[in-house]
Amino acid sequence: MKTNKIKTVPLVMMASLLAFSPFIQAEEQPYTVTDGQLLDSETYNGYKLYRNWCARCHGTYGQGMAGPNLADSLNIISKDEFITSVTEGKMGQIGMMPAWGSNPQVMEGIDQLYAYLKARADGAIGEVKPKKAN
């Protein structure tokens, strides 16, 4: 019986190769959160947008209600996919999200909205009502 020998790279070596790869870059953190509740002004503006336009379907903390759990979703989808969903809307299993592309408040603050939701998804904001840092 003939066996094929496969050369393997030790995990430690693979990790160090990936760490120095010029093709792999971590996404820059789009928010600043202190003490689990104090947000930078841009992220706080995203919170206000979320509260006004999104919370009624996605829940107070992004935990999901009629709409999906955004605190989980933003760890799976890219920022571009998020923007497309918000702009064009989306059909879900139990309903649909409206397209917000014609809403100037939402579209002008889409980066702020993403920053807020990404902070929730990353666990940087606890299940508290956030405040604006001074």
N, C-alpha and C. Protein backbone atom coordinates (compact mmCIF):
# COMPACT_ATOMS: atom_id res chain seq x y z
N MET A 1 0.83 -1.17 0.00
CA MET A 1 0.00 0.00 0.00
C MET A 1 0.88 1.24 0.00
N LYS A 2 0.63 2.11 -0.97
CA LYS A 2 1.43 3.31 -1.11
C LYS A 2 0.72 4.46 -0.41
N THR A 3 1.47 5.26 0.35
CA THR A 3 0.89 6.43 1.01
C THR A 3 1.53 7.68 0.44
N ASN A 4 0.73 8.69 0.34
CA ASN A 4 1.25 9.98 -0.12
C ASN A 4 1.72 10.77 1.09
N LYS A 5 2.90 11.31 0.98
CA LYS A 5 3.41 12.14 2.06
C LYS A 5 3.09 13.59 1.73
N ILE A 6 2.44 14.23 2.67
CA ILE A 6 2.08 15.64 2.49
C ILE A 6 2.95 16.47 3.40
N LYS A 7 3.58 17.46 2.82
CA LYS A 7 4.39 18.35 3.63
C LYS A 7 3.47 19.35 4.30
N THR A 8 3.66 19.53 5.58
CA THR A 8 2.83 20.47 6.32
C THR A 8 3.70 21.59 6.88
N VAL A 9 3.07 22.72 7.08
CA VAL A 9 3.74 23.86 7.68
C VAL A 9 3.25 23.95 9.11
N PRO A 10 4.15 24.00 10.08
CA PRO A 10 3.71 24.12 11.47
C PRO A 10 2.80 25.34 11.66
N LEU A 11 1.82 25.20 12.53
CA LEU A 11 0.83 26.25 12.76
C LEU A 11 1.48 27.57 13.17
N VAL A 12 2.50 27.50 14.00
CA VAL A 12 3.17 28.72 14.46
C VAL A 12 3.80 29.45 13.27
N MET A 13 4.42 28.68 12.37
CA MET A 13 5.04 29.28 11.20
C MET A 13 3.98 29.89 10.29
N MET A 14 2.85 29.21 10.11
CA MET A 14 1.77 29.73 9.27
C MET A 14 1.24 31.03 9.86
N ALA A 15 1.06 31.09 11.16
CA ALA A 15 0.55 32.30 11.80
C ALA A 15 1.50 33.46 11.59
N SER A 16 2.80 33.21 11.70
CA SER A 16 3.75 34.30 11.52
C SER A 16 3.80 34.75 10.06
N LEU A 17 3.63 33.82 9.13
CA LEU A 17 3.59 34.20 7.72
C LEU A 17 2.38 35.09 7.43
N LEU A 18 1.24 34.71 7.98
CA LEU A 18 0.03 35.50 7.78
C LEU A 18 0.13 36.87 8.42
N ALA A 19 0.77 36.95 9.57
CA ALA A 19 0.89 38.22 10.28
C ALA A 19 1.68 39.24 9.47
N PHE A 20 2.62 38.78 8.68
CA PHE A 20 3.45 39.70 7.92
C PHE A 20 3.06 39.80 6.45
N SER A 21 1.97 39.19 6.09
CA SER A 21 1.53 39.22 4.70
C SER A 21 1.03 40.61 4.32
N PRO A 22 1.53 41.19 3.23
CA PRO A 22 1.05 42.51 2.82
C PRO A 22 -0.36 42.46 2.23
N PHE A 23 -0.88 41.27 1.99
CA PHE A 23 -2.20 41.14 1.37
C PHE A 23 -3.33 41.02 2.39
N ILE A 24 -2.99 40.79 3.63
CA ILE A 24 -4.00 40.62 4.66
C ILE A 24 -3.93 41.81 5.60
N GLN A 25 -5.01 42.57 5.64
CA GLN A 25 -5.05 43.73 6.50
C GLN A 25 -6.31 43.66 7.35
N ALA A 26 -6.18 43.98 8.61
CA ALA A 26 -7.33 44.01 9.49
C ALA A 26 -8.14 45.28 9.21
N GLU A 27 -9.45 45.14 9.35
CA GLU A 27 -10.31 46.30 9.18
C GLU A 27 -10.07 47.27 10.33
N GLU A 28 -9.92 48.53 10.00
CA GLU A 28 -9.72 49.54 11.02
C GLU A 28 -10.99 49.69 11.85
N GLN A 29 -10.83 49.79 13.14
CA GLN A 29 -11.97 49.94 14.03
C GLN A 29 -12.63 51.29 13.78
N PRO A 30 -13.94 51.32 13.40
CA PRO A 30 -14.59 52.58 13.03
C PRO A 30 -15.19 53.33 14.21
N TYR A 31 -14.87 52.95 15.44
CA TYR A 31 -15.51 53.55 16.61
C TYR A 31 -14.52 53.64 17.76
N THR A 32 -14.87 54.47 18.74
CA THR A 32 -14.14 54.52 19.99
C THR A 32 -15.16 54.43 21.11
N VAL A 33 -15.02 53.43 21.96
CA VAL A 33 -15.92 53.21 23.09
C VAL A 33 -15.07 53.12 24.35
N THR A 34 -15.49 53.86 25.37
CA THR A 34 -14.81 53.84 26.65
C THR A 34 -15.78 53.34 27.71
N ASP A 35 -15.31 52.49 28.58
CA ASP A 35 -16.12 51.96 29.70
C ASP A 35 -17.41 51.29 29.24
N GLY A 36 -17.46 50.76 28.04
CA GLY A 36 -18.61 50.01 27.57
C GLY A 36 -19.85 50.82 27.29
N GLN A 37 -19.75 52.16 27.38
CA GLN A 37 -20.93 52.97 27.13
C GLN A 37 -20.66 54.38 26.61
N LEU A 38 -19.44 54.88 26.71
CA LEU A 38 -19.13 56.23 26.26
C LEU A 38 -18.62 56.18 24.82
N LEU A 39 -19.36 56.82 23.91
CA LEU A 39 -19.05 56.75 22.48
C LEU A 39 -18.45 58.05 21.98
N ASP A 40 -17.57 57.93 20.99
CA ASP A 40 -17.09 59.13 20.29
C ASP A 40 -18.29 59.77 19.59
N SER A 41 -18.17 61.01 19.18
CA SER A 41 -19.33 61.75 18.64
C SER A 41 -19.90 61.13 17.37
N GLU A 42 -19.07 60.60 16.49
CA GLU A 42 -19.56 59.98 15.26
C GLU A 42 -20.37 58.71 15.56
N THR A 43 -19.84 57.89 16.45
CA THR A 43 -20.53 56.65 16.82
C THR A 43 -21.81 56.97 17.58
N TYR A 44 -21.78 58.01 18.40
CA TYR A 44 -22.99 58.42 19.12
C TYR A 44 -24.07 58.89 18.13
N ASN A 45 -23.67 59.59 17.09
CA ASN A 45 -24.63 59.98 16.05
C ASN A 45 -25.22 58.74 15.38
N GLY A 46 -24.41 57.71 15.20
CA GLY A 46 -24.91 56.44 14.67
C GLY A 46 -25.93 55.81 15.59
N TYR A 47 -25.69 55.92 16.89
CA TYR A 47 -26.65 55.41 17.88
C TYR A 47 -27.99 56.14 17.74
N LYS A 48 -27.94 57.45 17.59
CA LYS A 48 -29.19 58.22 17.46
C LYS A 48 -29.93 57.84 16.18
N LEU A 49 -29.21 57.65 15.10
CA LEU A 49 -29.85 57.19 13.86
C LEU A 49 -30.48 55.81 14.06
N TYR A 50 -29.74 54.92 14.68
CA TYR A 50 -30.25 53.57 14.93
C TYR A 50 -31.53 53.64 15.75
N ARG A 51 -31.49 54.40 16.82
CA ARG A 51 -32.65 54.52 17.71
C ARG A 51 -33.88 55.04 16.94
N ASN A 52 -33.66 56.01 16.06
CA ASN A 52 -34.77 56.63 15.33
C ASN A 52 -35.31 55.79 14.19
N TRP A 53 -34.45 55.03 13.49
CA TRP A 53 -34.86 54.36 12.27
C TRP A 53 -34.82 52.83 12.32
N CYS A 54 -34.05 52.25 13.20
CA CYS A 54 -33.80 50.81 13.13
C CYS A 54 -34.29 50.01 14.33
N ALA A 55 -34.26 50.62 15.51
CA ALA A 55 -34.53 49.88 16.75
C ALA A 55 -35.91 49.27 16.80
N ARG A 56 -36.88 49.87 16.15
CA ARG A 56 -38.25 49.32 16.23
C ARG A 56 -38.34 47.92 15.63
N CYS A 57 -37.46 47.59 14.70
CA CYS A 57 -37.47 46.24 14.12
C CYS A 57 -36.30 45.37 14.60
N HIS A 58 -35.16 46.01 14.88
CA HIS A 58 -33.95 45.25 15.21
C HIS A 58 -33.66 45.21 16.71
N GLY A 59 -34.50 45.85 17.53
CA GLY A 59 -34.34 45.80 18.98
C GLY A 59 -33.46 46.90 19.53
N THR A 60 -33.66 47.19 20.79
CA THR A 60 -32.95 48.27 21.48
C THR A 60 -31.44 48.15 21.36
N TYR A 61 -30.92 46.93 21.47
CA TYR A 61 -29.48 46.70 21.45
C TYR A 61 -29.00 45.99 20.19
N GLY A 62 -29.84 45.98 19.15
CA GLY A 62 -29.47 45.27 17.93
C GLY A 62 -29.64 43.77 18.05
N GLN A 63 -30.35 43.33 19.09
CA GLN A 63 -30.47 41.90 19.39
C GLN A 63 -31.50 41.20 18.52
N GLY A 64 -32.24 41.94 17.73
CA GLY A 64 -33.23 41.34 16.85
C GLY A 64 -34.61 41.32 17.47
N MET A 65 -35.59 41.49 16.63
CA MET A 65 -37.01 41.37 16.98
C MET A 65 -37.69 40.90 15.71
N ALA A 66 -38.44 41.80 15.05
CA ALA A 66 -39.01 41.47 13.75
C ALA A 66 -37.88 41.34 12.72
N GLY A 67 -36.87 42.18 12.86
CA GLY A 67 -35.68 42.12 12.00
C GLY A 67 -34.60 41.28 12.68
N PRO A 68 -33.59 40.87 11.93
CA PRO A 68 -32.56 40.00 12.49
C PRO A 68 -31.67 40.68 13.53
N ASN A 69 -30.93 39.88 14.24
CA ASN A 69 -29.97 40.32 15.23
C ASN A 69 -28.77 40.94 14.51
N LEU A 70 -28.66 42.27 14.59
CA LEU A 70 -27.57 42.96 13.90
C LEU A 70 -26.25 42.83 14.66
N ALA A 71 -26.34 42.61 15.96
CA ALA A 71 -25.12 42.41 16.72
C ALA A 71 -24.39 41.14 16.27
N ASP A 72 -25.14 40.16 15.78
CA ASP A 72 -24.52 38.95 15.22
C ASP A 72 -24.19 39.16 13.74
N SER A 73 -25.11 39.76 13.00
CA SER A 73 -24.96 39.91 11.55
C SER A 73 -23.71 40.67 11.15
N LEU A 74 -23.38 41.73 11.91
CA LEU A 74 -22.23 42.54 11.53
C LEU A 74 -20.89 41.86 11.77
N ASN A 75 -20.91 40.69 12.37
CA ASN A 75 -19.69 39.89 12.47
C ASN A 75 -19.59 38.91 11.31
N ILE A 76 -20.61 38.88 10.47
CA ILE A 76 -20.64 37.96 9.34
C ILE A 76 -20.56 38.70 8.00
N ILE A 77 -21.28 39.81 7.90
CA ILE A 77 -21.31 40.54 6.63
C ILE A 77 -20.27 41.66 6.60
N SER A 78 -19.90 42.07 5.41
CA SER A 78 -18.92 43.16 5.25
C SER A 78 -19.63 44.50 5.35
N LYS A 79 -18.85 45.54 5.46
CA LYS A 79 -19.42 46.89 5.48
C LYS A 79 -20.16 47.16 4.17
N ASP A 80 -19.61 46.73 3.06
CA ASP A 80 -20.26 46.93 1.76
C ASP A 80 -21.61 46.22 1.71
N GLU A 81 -21.68 44.99 2.25
CA GLU A 81 -22.96 44.27 2.28
C GLU A 81 -23.96 44.97 3.18
N PHE A 82 -23.49 45.52 4.28
CA PHE A 82 -24.35 46.29 5.18
C PHE A 82 -24.93 47.50 4.45
N ILE A 83 -24.08 48.25 3.78
CA ILE A 83 -24.52 49.45 3.06
C ILE A 83 -25.53 49.08 1.96
N THR A 84 -25.28 48.01 1.25
CA THR A 84 -26.21 47.57 0.21
C THR A 84 -27.57 47.21 0.82
N SER A 85 -27.56 46.48 1.92
CA SER A 85 -28.82 46.09 2.57
C SER A 85 -29.61 47.31 3.03
N VAL A 86 -28.91 48.27 3.62
CA VAL A 86 -29.59 49.48 4.11
C VAL A 86 -30.11 50.29 2.92
N THR A 87 -29.31 50.45 1.91
CA THR A 87 -29.68 51.28 0.76
C THR A 87 -30.81 50.66 -0.05
N GLU A 88 -30.70 49.37 -0.35
CA GLU A 88 -31.64 48.71 -1.26
C GLU A 88 -32.75 47.93 -0.55
N GLY A 89 -32.63 47.73 0.77
CA GLY A 89 -33.59 46.90 1.48
C GLY A 89 -33.25 45.44 1.28
N LYS A 90 -34.05 44.58 1.93
CA LYS A 90 -33.73 43.16 1.85
C LYS A 90 -34.95 42.33 2.20
N MET A 91 -35.14 41.25 1.48
CA MET A 91 -36.20 40.29 1.81
C MET A 91 -35.66 39.32 2.84
N GLY A 92 -36.44 39.09 3.89
CA GLY A 92 -36.04 38.15 4.92
C GLY A 92 -36.95 36.94 4.92
N GLN A 93 -36.75 36.07 5.87
CA GLN A 93 -37.57 34.86 5.97
C GLN A 93 -38.98 35.18 6.45
N ILE A 94 -39.12 36.21 7.28
CA ILE A 94 -40.44 36.53 7.81
C ILE A 94 -40.95 37.91 7.40
N GLY A 95 -40.20 38.62 6.62
CA GLY A 95 -40.63 39.96 6.21
C GLY A 95 -39.57 40.62 5.36
N MET A 96 -39.68 41.93 5.23
CA MET A 96 -38.69 42.65 4.43
C MET A 96 -38.24 43.92 5.12
N MET A 97 -37.00 44.27 4.89
CA MET A 97 -36.48 45.54 5.38
C MET A 97 -36.66 46.54 4.27
N PRO A 98 -37.19 47.72 4.59
CA PRO A 98 -37.37 48.73 3.54
C PRO A 98 -36.02 49.26 3.06
N ALA A 99 -36.03 49.78 1.85
CA ALA A 99 -34.85 50.45 1.31
C ALA A 99 -34.79 51.86 1.90
N TRP A 100 -33.66 52.21 2.46
CA TRP A 100 -33.50 53.53 3.08
C TRP A 100 -32.72 54.48 2.17
N GLY A 101 -32.45 54.07 0.95
CA GLY A 101 -31.65 54.87 0.03
C GLY A 101 -32.20 56.26 -0.26
N SER A 102 -33.51 56.45 -0.12
CA SER A 102 -34.09 57.77 -0.38
C SER A 102 -34.24 58.59 0.90
N ASN A 103 -33.77 58.07 2.02
CA ASN A 103 -33.82 58.80 3.29
C ASN A 103 -32.49 59.50 3.51
N PRO A 104 -32.44 60.83 3.34
CA PRO A 104 -31.16 61.54 3.43
C PRO A 104 -30.51 61.44 4.82
N GLN A 105 -31.30 61.38 5.89
CA GLN A 105 -30.70 61.27 7.22
C GLN A 105 -29.95 59.95 7.37
N VAL A 106 -30.56 58.88 6.94
CA VAL A 106 -29.92 57.57 7.05
C VAL A 106 -28.70 57.50 6.14
N MET A 107 -28.85 57.92 4.91
CA MET A 107 -27.75 57.78 3.96
C MET A 107 -26.56 58.69 4.29
N GLU A 108 -26.83 59.89 4.79
CA GLU A 108 -25.72 60.78 5.17
C GLU A 108 -24.98 60.26 6.40
N GLY A 109 -25.66 59.49 7.23
CA GLY A 109 -25.04 58.97 8.44
C GLY A 109 -24.75 57.48 8.40
N ILE A 110 -24.69 56.90 7.20
CA ILE A 110 -24.54 55.45 7.11
C ILE A 110 -23.22 54.95 7.72
N ASP A 111 -22.14 55.72 7.59
CA ASP A 111 -20.88 55.31 8.21
C ASP A 111 -20.98 55.37 9.73
N GLN A 112 -21.68 56.37 10.24
CA GLN A 112 -21.88 56.49 11.68
C GLN A 112 -22.75 55.34 12.19
N LEU A 113 -23.79 55.02 11.45
CA LEU A 113 -24.67 53.92 11.80
C LEU A 113 -23.88 52.61 11.82
N TYR A 114 -23.06 52.39 10.81
CA TYR A 114 -22.22 51.19 10.76
C TYR A 114 -21.29 51.14 11.97
N ALA A 115 -20.66 52.28 12.31
CA ALA A 115 -19.73 52.32 13.44
C ALA A 115 -20.44 51.91 14.73
N TYR A 116 -21.64 52.44 14.95
CA TYR A 116 -22.40 52.09 16.15
C TYR A 116 -22.71 50.59 16.18
N LEU A 117 -23.24 50.08 15.08
CA LEU A 117 -23.61 48.67 15.04
C LEU A 117 -22.40 47.75 15.12
N LYS A 118 -21.29 48.16 14.55
CA LYS A 118 -20.07 47.35 14.63
C LYS A 118 -19.56 47.31 16.06
N ALA A 119 -19.68 48.42 16.78
CA ALA A 119 -19.29 48.44 18.19
C ALA A 119 -20.17 47.48 18.99
N ARG A 120 -21.47 47.43 18.67
CA ARG A 120 -22.37 46.47 19.32
C ARG A 120 -21.95 45.04 18.97
N ALA A 121 -21.69 44.80 17.69
CA ALA A 121 -21.32 43.46 17.23
C ALA A 121 -20.02 42.99 17.86
N ASP A 122 -19.08 43.89 18.04
CA ASP A 122 -17.79 43.54 18.62
C ASP A 122 -17.86 43.41 20.15
N GLY A 123 -19.00 43.77 20.73
CA GLY A 123 -19.14 43.71 22.19
C GLY A 123 -18.50 44.87 22.91
N ALA A 124 -18.14 45.92 22.18
CA ALA A 124 -17.52 47.09 22.81
C ALA A 124 -18.53 47.90 23.62
N ILE A 125 -19.80 47.82 23.24
CA ILE A 125 -20.87 48.49 23.98
C ILE A 125 -21.66 47.41 24.70
N GLY A 126 -21.82 47.59 25.99
CA GLY A 126 -22.64 46.64 26.75
C GLY A 126 -24.11 46.88 26.45
N GLU A 127 -24.97 46.06 27.04
CA GLU A 127 -26.41 46.23 26.85
C GLU A 127 -26.90 47.36 27.75
N VAL A 128 -26.44 48.55 27.39
CA VAL A 128 -26.78 49.77 28.12
C VAL A 128 -27.12 50.86 27.11
N LYS A 129 -27.77 51.89 27.59
CA LYS A 129 -28.02 53.05 26.74
C LYS A 129 -26.70 53.83 26.69
N PRO A 130 -26.10 53.94 25.50
CA PRO A 130 -24.79 54.61 25.43
C PRO A 130 -24.92 56.11 25.64
N LYS A 131 -23.78 56.70 25.98
CA LYS A 131 -23.70 58.14 26.20
C LYS A 131 -22.57 58.69 25.33
N LYS A 132 -22.65 59.96 25.04
CA LYS A 132 -21.60 60.62 24.26
C LYS A 132 -20.45 60.99 25.20
N ALA A 133 -19.23 60.61 24.83
CA ALA A 133 -18.06 60.98 25.61
C ALA A 133 -17.83 62.47 25.46
N ASN A 134 -17.31 63.08 26.49
CA ASN A 134 -17.06 64.54 26.44
C ASN A 134 -15.87 64.87 25.60
